[in-house]
Amino acid sequence: MIDTTAIPANLYDASLPLPNVYFVTVNHVTSAPQTLYIAADSSGAAVQKVRRHFREHHHLALYRGNCDIKLRRFRLGDYLECPQGLQEAGEAAAMAHERDTVAKLATRQKEVQELVADLTTRQKEPASTDWAQIEQELAEQLRQVG
């Protein structure tokens, strides 16, 4: 598990490339609230995938009048705190035969780990030195001596 306290707050909310992973909660009038993870390029596409999933697997038709669908898009911090969401979204995409989405999600955890490693090493490194500026100042000082 990666230490999420090492990540600055502004980067904790950083977006990652498509497809997005959504945490979905569905409250249907005839069943208990259910949650799932869906990968999609937009929230509208995610809602359509949720409707199709419930129609095919739960034999429920989701409409505005009989359900409440809530979506929350994953950010960098969510991938770190809830890695099983990425796995479940990949499994749902595989069940829906979305090969491109499955391939992109397969590398997502590695991308997240590399991004976090890069961020933590940048924080540990001292501020970079502007050698060109130093050379210019030294040259100016030598001109004044001579």
C-alpha atoms as a PDB file:
ATOM      1  CA  MET A   1       0.000   0.000   0.000  1.00  0.00           C
ATOM      2  CA  ILE A   2       1.275   3.452  -0.899  1.00  0.00           C
ATOM      3  CA  ASP A   3       1.458   6.154   1.754  1.00  0.00           C
ATOM      4  CA  THR A   4      -1.122   8.715   0.650  1.00  0.00           C
ATOM      5  CA  THR A   5       0.033  11.305   3.176  1.00  0.00           C
ATOM      6  CA  ALA A   6       3.126  11.956   1.039  1.00  0.00           C
ATOM      7  CA  ILE A   7       0.981  13.275  -1.805  1.00  0.00           C
ATOM      8  CA  PRO A   8       0.162  17.006  -1.796  1.00  0.00           C
ATOM      9  CA  ALA A   9      -3.555  17.839  -1.613  1.00  0.00           C
ATOM     10  CA  ASN A  10      -3.663  19.417  -5.081  1.00  0.00           C
ATOM     11  CA  LEU A  11      -2.141  16.298  -6.667  1.00  0.00           C
ATOM     12  CA  TYR A  12      -4.371  13.987  -4.638  1.00  0.00           C
ATOM     13  CA  ASP A  13      -7.261  15.246  -6.793  1.00  0.00           C
ATOM     14  CA  ALA A  14      -5.350  14.935 -10.075  1.00  0.00           C
ATOM     15  CA  SER A  15      -7.206  13.422 -13.022  1.00  0.00           C
ATOM     16  CA  LEU A  16      -5.824  10.517 -15.003  1.00  0.00           C
ATOM     17  CA  PRO A  17      -6.249   9.752 -18.715  1.00  0.00           C
ATOM     18  CA  LEU A  18      -9.336   8.085 -20.147  1.00  0.00           C
ATOM     19  CA  PRO A  19     -11.104   5.829 -19.468  1.00  0.00           C
ATOM     20  CA  ASN A  20     -12.382   7.180 -16.179  1.00  0.00           C
ATOM     21  CA  VAL A  21     -13.329   4.787 -13.413  1.00  0.00           C
ATOM     22  CA  TYR A  22     -16.590   5.638 -11.661  1.00  0.00           C
ATOM     23  CA  PHE A  23     -17.836   4.510  -8.270  1.00  0.00           C
ATOM     24  CA  VAL A  24     -21.573   4.024  -8.807  1.00  0.00           C
ATOM     25  CA  THR A  25     -24.346   3.711  -6.232  1.00  0.00           C
ATOM     26  CA  VAL A  26     -27.798   2.674  -7.430  1.00  0.00           C
ATOM     27  CA  ASN A  27     -30.885   2.997  -5.240  1.00  0.00           C
ATOM     28  CA  HIS A  28     -33.770   1.160  -6.906  1.00  0.00           C
ATOM     29  CA  VAL A  29     -37.273   1.173  -5.430  1.00  0.00           C
ATOM     30  CA  THR A  30     -37.538  -2.631  -5.449  1.00  0.00           C
ATOM     31  CA  SER A  31     -34.072  -3.571  -4.192  1.00  0.00           C
ATOM     32  CA  ALA A  32     -31.421  -2.626  -1.667  1.00  0.00           C
ATOM     33  CA  PRO A  33     -28.787  -0.048  -2.674  1.00  0.00           C
ATOM     34  CA  GLN A  34     -26.051  -1.574  -4.802  1.00  0.00           C
ATOM     35  CA  THR A  35     -22.585  -0.331  -5.659  1.00  0.00           C
ATOM     36  CA  LEU A  36     -20.295  -1.110  -8.554  1.00  0.00           C
ATOM     37  CA  TYR A  37     -17.317   0.269 -10.437  1.00  0.00           C
ATOM     38  CA  ILE A  38     -17.631   1.170 -14.117  1.00  0.00           C
ATOM     39  CA  ALA A  39     -15.027   2.379 -16.628  1.00  0.00           C
ATOM     40  CA  ALA A  40     -16.225   4.904 -19.192  1.00  0.00           C
ATOM     41  CA  ASP A  41     -15.028   7.980 -21.058  1.00  0.00           C
ATOM     42  CA  SER A  42     -17.816  10.233 -19.710  1.00  0.00           C
ATOM     43  CA  SER A  43     -20.500  10.248 -17.047  1.00  0.00           C
ATOM     44  CA  GLY A  44     -23.261   9.829 -19.641  1.00  0.00           C
ATOM     45  CA  ALA A  45     -21.590   6.717 -21.003  1.00  0.00           C
ATOM     46  CA  ALA A  46     -21.165   5.433 -17.438  1.00  0.00           C
ATOM     47  CA  VAL A  47     -24.894   5.828 -16.748  1.00  0.00           C
ATOM     48  CA  GLN A  48     -25.727   3.900 -19.936  1.00  0.00           C
ATOM     49  CA  LYS A  49     -23.349   1.105 -18.914  1.00  0.00           C
ATOM     50  CA  VAL A  50     -24.941   0.956 -15.458  1.00  0.00           C
ATOM     51  CA  ARG A  51     -28.415   0.692 -17.000  1.00  0.00           C
ATOM     52  CA  ARG A  52     -27.253  -2.065 -19.344  1.00  0.00           C
ATOM     53  CA  HIS A  53     -25.548  -3.919 -16.455  1.00  0.00           C
ATOM     54  CA  PHE A  54     -28.709  -3.862 -14.327  1.00  0.00           C
ATOM     55  CA  ARG A  55     -30.901  -4.908 -17.249  1.00  0.00           C
ATOM     56  CA  GLU A  56     -28.652  -7.866 -18.131  1.00  0.00           C
ATOM     57  CA  HIS A  57     -27.577  -9.063 -14.675  1.00  0.00           C
ATOM     58  CA  HIS A  58     -30.379  -8.014 -12.319  1.00  0.00           C
ATOM     59  CA  HIS A  59     -33.323  -7.897 -14.757  1.00  0.00           C
ATOM     60  CA  LEU A  60     -34.168  -4.364 -13.629  1.00  0.00           C
ATOM     61  CA  ALA A  61     -34.953  -1.441 -15.891  1.00  0.00           C
ATOM     62  CA  LEU A  62     -33.536   1.769 -14.461  1.00  0.00           C
ATOM     63  CA  TYR A  63     -35.475   4.977 -15.131  1.00  0.00           C
ATOM     64  CA  ARG A  64     -35.519   8.382 -13.468  1.00  0.00           C
ATOM     65  CA  GLY A  65     -38.785   7.564 -11.721  1.00  0.00           C
ATOM     66  CA  ASN A  66     -37.710   4.260 -10.133  1.00  0.00           C
ATOM     67  CA  CYS A  67     -34.073   4.752  -9.186  1.00  0.00           C
ATOM     68  CA  ASP A  68     -31.347   7.134  -8.139  1.00  0.00           C
ATOM     69  CA  ILE A  69     -27.930   6.700  -9.781  1.00  0.00           C
ATOM     70  CA  LYS A  70     -24.978   8.484  -8.217  1.00  0.00           C
ATOM     71  CA  LEU A  71     -21.527   8.600  -9.799  1.00  0.00           C
ATOM     72  CA  ARG A  72     -18.168   9.604  -8.404  1.00  0.00           C
ATOM     73  CA  ARG A  73     -15.198   9.750 -10.769  1.00  0.00           C
ATOM     74  CA  PHE A  74     -11.920   8.341  -9.470  1.00  0.00           C
ATOM     75  CA  ARG A  75      -9.028  10.730  -8.947  1.00  0.00           C
ATOM     76  CA  LEU A  76      -5.413   9.854  -8.153  1.00  0.00           C
ATOM     77  CA  GLY A  77      -6.123   9.517  -4.435  1.00  0.00           C
ATOM     78  CA  ASP A  78      -9.060   7.185  -5.067  1.00  0.00           C
ATOM     79  CA  TYR A  79      -6.851   4.797  -7.030  1.00  0.00           C
ATOM     80  CA  LEU A  80      -4.491   4.692  -4.061  1.00  0.00           C
ATOM     81  CA  GLU A  81      -7.152   4.256  -1.389  1.00  0.00           C
ATOM     82  CA  CYS A  82      -9.367   1.840  -3.301  1.00  0.00           C
ATOM     83  CA  PRO A  83      -7.298  -0.314  -5.693  1.00  0.00           C
ATOM     84  CA  GLN A  84     -10.042  -2.973  -5.814  1.00  0.00           C
ATOM     85  CA  GLY A  85     -12.239  -0.438  -7.662  1.00  0.00           C
ATOM     86  CA  LEU A  86      -9.855  -0.539 -10.601  1.00  0.00           C
ATOM     87  CA  GLN A  87      -9.904  -4.327 -10.615  1.00  0.00           C
ATOM     88  CA  GLU A  88     -13.709  -4.483 -10.457  1.00  0.00           C
ATOM     89  CA  ALA A  89     -14.050  -1.904 -13.237  1.00  0.00           C
ATOM     90  CA  GLY A  90     -11.720  -4.034 -15.380  1.00  0.00           C
ATOM     91  CA  GLU A  91     -13.779  -7.148 -14.669  1.00  0.00           C
ATOM     92  CA  ALA A  92     -17.008  -5.313 -15.588  1.00  0.00           C
ATOM     93  CA  ALA A  93     -15.414  -4.105 -18.830  1.00  0.00           C
ATOM     94  CA  ALA A  94     -14.277  -7.656 -19.629  1.00  0.00           C
ATOM     95  CA  MET A  95     -17.797  -8.979 -19.034  1.00  0.00           C
ATOM     96  CA  ALA A  96     -19.107  -6.322 -21.442  1.00  0.00           C
ATOM     97  CA  HIS A  97     -16.447  -7.356 -24.027  1.00  0.00           C
ATOM     98  CA  GLU A  98     -14.771  -3.921 -24.054  1.00  0.00           C
ATOM     99  CA  ARG A  99     -11.273  -4.962 -25.130  1.00  0.00           C
ATOM    100  CA  ASP A 100      -9.822  -1.457 -25.469  1.00  0.00           C
ATOM    101  CA  THR A 101     -11.029  -0.455 -22.015  1.00  0.00           C
ATOM    102  CA  VAL A 102      -9.673  -3.654 -20.463  1.00  0.00           C
ATOM    103  CA  ALA A 103      -6.276  -3.057 -22.084  1.00  0.00           C
ATOM    104  CA  LYS A 104      -6.108   0.545 -20.845  1.00  0.00           C
ATOM    105  CA  LEU A 105      -7.180  -0.395 -17.322  1.00  0.00           C
ATOM    106  CA  ALA A 106      -4.611  -3.199 -17.181  1.00  0.00           C
ATOM    107  CA  THR A 107      -1.816  -0.635 -17.189  1.00  0.00           C
ATOM    108  CA  ARG A 108      -3.584   1.943 -15.002  1.00  0.00           C
ATOM    109  CA  GLN A 109      -2.283   0.694 -11.635  1.00  0.00           C
ATOM    110  CA  LYS A 110       1.280   0.774 -12.965  1.00  0.00           C
ATOM    111  CA  GLU A 111       0.705   4.340 -14.226  1.00  0.00           C
ATOM    112  CA  VAL A 112      -0.580   5.365 -10.800  1.00  0.00           C
ATOM    113  CA  GLN A 113       2.394   3.833  -9.002  1.00  0.00           C
ATOM    114  CA  GLU A 114       4.873   5.480 -11.392  1.00  0.00           C
ATOM    115  CA  LEU A 115       3.148   8.852 -10.984  1.00  0.00           C
ATOM    116  CA  VAL A 116       3.241   8.601  -7.196  1.00  0.00           C
ATOM    117  CA  ALA A 117       6.893   7.494  -7.231  1.00  0.00           C
ATOM    118  CA  ASP A 118       7.750  10.443  -9.467  1.00  0.00           C
ATOM    119  CA  LEU A 119       5.890  12.851  -7.186  1.00  0.00           C
ATOM    120  CA  THR A 120       7.557  11.591  -4.024  1.00  0.00           C
ATOM    121  CA  THR A 121      11.061  11.717  -5.539  1.00  0.00           C
ATOM    122  CA  ARG A 122      10.436  15.275  -6.732  1.00  0.00           C
ATOM    123  CA  GLN A 123       9.482  16.279  -3.214  1.00  0.00           C
ATOM    124  CA  LYS A 124      12.636  14.735  -1.752  1.00  0.00           C
ATOM    125  CA  GLU A 125      15.013  16.340  -4.263  1.00  0.00           C
ATOM    126  CA  PRO A 126      16.368  19.772  -3.413  1.00  0.00           C
ATOM    127  CA  ALA A 127      15.319  22.659  -5.608  1.00  0.00           C
ATOM    128  CA  SER A 128      17.102  22.512  -8.942  1.00  0.00           C
ATOM    129  CA  THR A 129      20.070  24.819  -9.398  1.00  0.00           C
ATOM    130  CA  ASP A 130      20.074  27.218 -12.304  1.00  0.00           C
ATOM    131  CA  TRP A 131      23.664  26.731 -13.503  1.00  0.00           C
ATOM    132  CA  ALA A 132      23.293  29.138 -16.387  1.00  0.00           C
ATOM    133  CA  GLN A 133      22.362  31.923 -13.955  1.00  0.00           C
ATOM    134  CA  ILE A 134      25.343  31.101 -11.722  1.00  0.00           C
ATOM    135  CA  GLU A 135      27.724  31.145 -14.710  1.00  0.00           C
ATOM    136  CA  GLN A 136      26.354  34.484 -15.808  1.00  0.00           C
ATOM    137  CA  GLU A 137      26.826  36.007 -12.339  1.00  0.00           C
ATOM    138  CA  LEU A 138      30.401  34.655 -12.117  1.00  0.00           C
ATOM    139  CA  ALA A 139      31.243  36.052 -15.544  1.00  0.00           C
ATOM    140  CA  GLU A 140      29.895  39.460 -14.468  1.00  0.00           C
ATOM    141  CA  GLN A 141      31.999  39.374 -11.278  1.00  0.00           C
ATOM    142  CA  LEU A 142      35.149  38.452 -13.285  1.00  0.00           C
ATOM    143  CA  ARG A 143      34.547  41.361 -15.691  1.00  0.00           C
ATOM    144  CA  GLN A 144      34.345  43.745 -12.766  1.00  0.00           C
ATOM    145  CA  VAL A 145      37.654  42.420 -11.293  1.00  0.00           C
ATOM    146  CA  GLY A 146      39.553  42.696 -14.585  1.00  0.00           C
END
